[in-house]
Amino acid sequence: MNTRNFVNAAMLSLTALTASVAHADGTSEAEPTHYRYGMPLDIAQVVSIREPSMRFCQVVTSEMTYIDSAGQRNSIAYRKLADVCGSQN
């Protein structure tokens, strides 16, 4: 196997590894669904909400991981004002 084929195979493997996120309970999560206004959501339990840390008030993309009524883990990305916006006086 020449160096170019080895690098290509390594990049393909790395891409496959980063395509899903593994969780401690053995489940995996694909890329989050992007929320559209009016989109119906089936949220039985919120697992986590993540957003980038910001110093200034601006719009950010947050990601919510949740369990639906069928027990499936899902993730949705949505745009919102950063948490710091509510703490400014």
N, C-alpha and C. Protein backbone atom coordinates (compact mmCIF):
# COMPACT_ATOMS: atom_id res chain seq x y z
N MET A 1 0.86 -1.17 0.00
CA MET A 1 0.00 0.00 0.00
C MET A 1 0.90 1.23 0.00
N ASN A 2 0.71 2.09 -0.96
CA ASN A 2 1.55 3.28 -1.00
C ASN A 2 1.03 4.32 -0.01
N THR A 3 1.79 5.37 0.20
CA THR A 3 1.47 6.40 1.19
C THR A 3 0.15 7.09 0.88
N ARG A 4 -0.11 7.36 -0.38
CA ARG A 4 -1.36 8.05 -0.74
C ARG A 4 -2.59 7.21 -0.39
N ASN A 5 -2.55 5.92 -0.69
CA ASN A 5 -3.67 5.05 -0.34
C ASN A 5 -3.84 4.94 1.17
N PHE A 6 -2.73 4.88 1.89
CA PHE A 6 -2.79 4.82 3.35
C PHE A 6 -3.43 6.07 3.92
N VAL A 7 -3.04 7.24 3.43
CA VAL A 7 -3.61 8.51 3.90
C VAL A 7 -5.10 8.58 3.56
N ASN A 8 -5.48 8.17 2.36
CA ASN A 8 -6.89 8.17 1.99
C ASN A 8 -7.70 7.24 2.89
N ALA A 9 -7.17 6.06 3.18
CA ALA A 9 -7.87 5.12 4.06
C ALA A 9 -7.99 5.68 5.47
N ALA A 10 -6.95 6.33 5.94
CA ALA A 10 -6.98 6.93 7.27
C ALA A 10 -8.00 8.05 7.34
N MET A 11 -8.07 8.89 6.32
CA MET A 11 -9.04 9.98 6.29
C MET A 11 -10.46 9.44 6.25
N LEU A 12 -10.69 8.37 5.49
CA LEU A 12 -12.01 7.76 5.41
C LEU A 12 -12.42 7.20 6.77
N SER A 13 -11.50 6.57 7.45
CA SER A 13 -11.78 6.03 8.79
C SER A 13 -12.09 7.14 9.77
N LEU A 14 -11.33 8.22 9.72
CA LEU A 14 -11.55 9.35 10.61
C LEU A 14 -12.91 9.98 10.35
N THR A 15 -13.29 10.10 9.09
CA THR A 15 -14.60 10.65 8.74
C THR A 15 -15.71 9.77 9.29
N ALA A 16 -15.57 8.48 9.19
CA ALA A 16 -16.58 7.56 9.70
C ALA A 16 -16.69 7.65 11.22
N LEU A 17 -15.57 7.82 11.89
CA LEU A 17 -15.58 7.94 13.35
C LEU A 17 -16.26 9.22 13.80
N THR A 18 -16.06 10.31 13.10
CA THR A 18 -16.63 11.59 13.51
C THR A 18 -18.05 11.78 13.02
N ALA A 19 -18.58 10.87 12.21
CA ALA A 19 -19.94 11.00 11.69
C ALA A 19 -20.99 10.78 12.76
N SER A 20 -20.65 10.04 13.80
CA SER A 20 -21.60 9.84 14.89
C SER A 20 -20.90 10.04 16.22
N VAL A 21 -21.70 10.42 17.22
CA VAL A 21 -21.19 10.65 18.56
C VAL A 21 -21.64 9.49 19.43
N ALA A 22 -20.71 8.84 20.10
CA ALA A 22 -21.06 7.71 20.96
C ALA A 22 -21.39 8.22 22.35
N HIS A 23 -22.37 7.60 23.00
CA HIS A 23 -22.78 7.96 24.34
C HIS A 23 -22.42 6.84 25.30
N ALA A 24 -22.39 7.18 26.58
CA ALA A 24 -22.03 6.20 27.60
C ALA A 24 -22.99 5.02 27.64
N ASP A 25 -24.25 5.23 27.27
CA ASP A 25 -25.23 4.14 27.32
C ASP A 25 -25.20 3.27 26.07
N GLY A 26 -24.23 3.50 25.17
CA GLY A 26 -24.08 2.66 24.00
C GLY A 26 -24.82 3.14 22.77
N THR A 27 -25.64 4.18 22.91
CA THR A 27 -26.35 4.70 21.75
C THR A 27 -25.46 5.66 21.00
N SER A 28 -25.79 5.92 19.75
CA SER A 28 -25.02 6.89 18.98
C SER A 28 -25.97 7.92 18.41
N GLU A 29 -25.42 9.04 18.06
CA GLU A 29 -26.22 10.16 17.61
C GLU A 29 -25.66 10.70 16.30
N ALA A 30 -26.52 10.88 15.33
CA ALA A 30 -26.11 11.43 14.04
C ALA A 30 -26.12 12.96 14.11
N GLU A 31 -25.84 13.58 13.00
CA GLU A 31 -25.89 15.03 12.89
C GLU A 31 -27.26 15.52 13.33
N PRO A 32 -27.34 16.61 14.12
CA PRO A 32 -28.65 17.07 14.58
C PRO A 32 -29.53 17.57 13.44
N THR A 33 -30.84 17.41 13.61
CA THR A 33 -31.82 17.96 12.68
C THR A 33 -31.85 19.47 12.88
N HIS A 34 -31.96 20.23 11.82
CA HIS A 34 -32.04 21.68 11.94
C HIS A 34 -33.51 22.07 12.05
N TYR A 35 -33.83 22.79 13.12
CA TYR A 35 -35.21 23.18 13.38
C TYR A 35 -35.72 24.18 12.34
N ARG A 36 -36.95 23.99 11.92
CA ARG A 36 -37.67 24.93 11.05
C ARG A 36 -38.89 25.41 11.82
N TYR A 37 -39.23 26.67 11.67
CA TYR A 37 -40.37 27.24 12.38
C TYR A 37 -41.63 26.41 12.11
N GLY A 38 -42.34 26.06 13.17
CA GLY A 38 -43.56 25.28 13.05
C GLY A 38 -43.35 23.78 13.00
N MET A 39 -42.12 23.34 13.02
CA MET A 39 -41.81 21.92 12.95
C MET A 39 -42.34 21.21 14.21
N PRO A 40 -43.12 20.13 14.06
CA PRO A 40 -43.64 19.43 15.25
C PRO A 40 -42.50 18.70 15.97
N LEU A 41 -42.47 18.81 17.27
CA LEU A 41 -41.44 18.15 18.07
C LEU A 41 -42.10 17.18 19.04
N ASP A 42 -41.48 16.04 19.25
CA ASP A 42 -41.96 15.02 20.18
C ASP A 42 -40.90 14.87 21.26
N ILE A 43 -40.97 15.70 22.30
CA ILE A 43 -39.95 15.72 23.34
C ILE A 43 -40.55 15.20 24.63
N ALA A 44 -40.10 14.01 25.07
CA ALA A 44 -40.55 13.45 26.34
C ALA A 44 -39.61 13.86 27.47
N GLN A 45 -38.31 13.97 27.17
CA GLN A 45 -37.33 14.33 28.19
C GLN A 45 -36.14 15.01 27.53
N VAL A 46 -35.72 16.15 28.08
CA VAL A 46 -34.53 16.83 27.59
C VAL A 46 -33.31 16.23 28.28
N VAL A 47 -32.33 15.82 27.49
CA VAL A 47 -31.09 15.23 28.02
C VAL A 47 -30.06 16.32 28.27
N SER A 48 -29.87 17.19 27.27
CA SER A 48 -28.90 18.28 27.42
C SER A 48 -29.18 19.38 26.42
N ILE A 49 -28.72 20.59 26.76
CA ILE A 49 -28.75 21.72 25.86
C ILE A 49 -27.36 22.33 25.87
N ARG A 50 -26.80 22.46 24.65
CA ARG A 50 -25.43 23.02 24.53
C ARG A 50 -25.48 24.23 23.61
N GLU A 51 -24.68 25.23 23.97
CA GLU A 51 -24.50 26.38 23.10
C GLU A 51 -23.11 26.91 23.33
N PRO A 52 -22.54 27.57 22.31
CA PRO A 52 -21.20 28.12 22.48
C PRO A 52 -21.19 29.24 23.52
N SER A 53 -20.11 29.35 24.25
CA SER A 53 -19.95 30.41 25.23
C SER A 53 -19.63 31.72 24.50
N MET A 54 -20.39 32.77 24.81
CA MET A 54 -20.19 34.07 24.16
C MET A 54 -19.98 35.16 25.20
N ARG A 55 -19.22 36.16 24.82
CA ARG A 55 -19.02 37.32 25.69
C ARG A 55 -20.00 38.43 25.38
N PHE A 56 -20.54 38.44 24.16
CA PHE A 56 -21.43 39.51 23.73
C PHE A 56 -22.77 38.92 23.29
N CYS A 57 -23.79 39.77 23.33
CA CYS A 57 -25.13 39.35 22.92
C CYS A 57 -25.16 39.19 21.41
N GLN A 58 -25.46 37.99 20.95
CA GLN A 58 -25.57 37.70 19.53
C GLN A 58 -26.36 36.42 19.32
N VAL A 59 -26.74 36.15 18.10
CA VAL A 59 -27.47 34.92 17.77
C VAL A 59 -26.46 33.78 17.65
N VAL A 60 -26.79 32.64 18.29
CA VAL A 60 -25.93 31.46 18.26
C VAL A 60 -26.76 30.24 17.86
N THR A 61 -26.08 29.18 17.48
CA THR A 61 -26.74 27.90 17.21
C THR A 61 -26.60 27.03 18.45
N SER A 62 -27.72 26.66 19.03
CA SER A 62 -27.74 25.77 20.19
C SER A 62 -28.15 24.39 19.72
N GLU A 63 -27.82 23.39 20.52
CA GLU A 63 -28.18 22.01 20.20
C GLU A 63 -28.83 21.37 21.42
N MET A 64 -30.02 20.84 21.23
CA MET A 64 -30.73 20.16 22.30
C MET A 64 -30.79 18.66 21.97
N THR A 65 -30.38 17.85 22.93
CA THR A 65 -30.49 16.40 22.82
C THR A 65 -31.66 15.99 23.70
N TYR A 66 -32.55 15.15 23.16
CA TYR A 66 -33.75 14.77 23.89
C TYR A 66 -34.17 13.34 23.58
N ILE A 67 -35.05 12.82 24.43
CA ILE A 67 -35.64 11.51 24.24
C ILE A 67 -37.09 11.74 23.80
N ASP A 68 -37.53 11.07 22.72
CA ASP A 68 -38.91 11.23 22.27
C ASP A 68 -39.82 10.22 22.97
N SER A 69 -41.11 10.27 22.67
CA SER A 69 -42.07 9.40 23.35
C SER A 69 -41.86 7.91 23.05
N ALA A 70 -41.12 7.59 21.99
CA ALA A 70 -40.81 6.20 21.66
C ALA A 70 -39.50 5.74 22.32
N GLY A 71 -38.85 6.63 23.09
CA GLY A 71 -37.61 6.29 23.77
C GLY A 71 -36.36 6.47 22.94
N GLN A 72 -36.49 7.07 21.76
CA GLN A 72 -35.35 7.29 20.87
C GLN A 72 -34.64 8.59 21.23
N ARG A 73 -33.32 8.57 21.19
CA ARG A 73 -32.53 9.78 21.43
C ARG A 73 -32.43 10.56 20.12
N ASN A 74 -32.73 11.86 20.18
CA ASN A 74 -32.68 12.75 19.02
C ASN A 74 -31.92 14.00 19.38
N SER A 75 -31.54 14.75 18.37
CA SER A 75 -30.84 16.00 18.58
C SER A 75 -31.35 17.01 17.56
N ILE A 76 -31.55 18.24 18.02
CA ILE A 76 -32.03 19.29 17.12
C ILE A 76 -31.19 20.55 17.34
N ALA A 77 -30.84 21.20 16.25
CA ALA A 77 -30.07 22.45 16.31
C ALA A 77 -31.02 23.59 15.99
N TYR A 78 -30.89 24.67 16.72
CA TYR A 78 -31.76 25.82 16.52
C TYR A 78 -31.00 27.11 16.82
N ARG A 79 -31.48 28.21 16.26
CA ARG A 79 -30.85 29.52 16.45
C ARG A 79 -31.58 30.27 17.57
N LYS A 80 -30.83 30.96 18.41
CA LYS A 80 -31.39 31.72 19.52
C LYS A 80 -30.40 32.78 19.96
N LEU A 81 -30.88 33.71 20.80
CA LEU A 81 -29.96 34.67 21.37
C LEU A 81 -29.14 33.96 22.43
N ALA A 82 -27.86 34.31 22.52
CA ALA A 82 -26.96 33.69 23.50
C ALA A 82 -27.47 33.96 24.92
N ASP A 83 -27.15 33.06 25.83
CA ASP A 83 -27.55 33.21 27.23
C ASP A 83 -27.07 34.52 27.82
N VAL A 84 -25.93 35.01 27.36
CA VAL A 84 -25.38 36.25 27.90
C VAL A 84 -26.32 37.44 27.63
N CYS A 85 -27.19 37.35 26.64
CA CYS A 85 -28.12 38.45 26.32
C CYS A 85 -29.08 38.73 27.47
N GLY A 86 -29.47 37.70 28.19
CA GLY A 86 -30.40 37.89 29.30
C GLY A 86 -29.75 38.41 30.55
N SER A 87 -28.43 38.37 30.63
CA SER A 87 -27.73 38.79 31.85
C SER A 87 -27.15 40.19 31.76
N GLN A 88 -27.31 40.86 30.62
CA GLN A 88 -26.79 42.22 30.48
C GLN A 88 -27.75 43.21 31.09
N ASN A 89 -27.20 44.22 31.73
CA ASN A 89 -28.03 45.28 32.34
C ASN A 89 -28.04 46.52 31.51
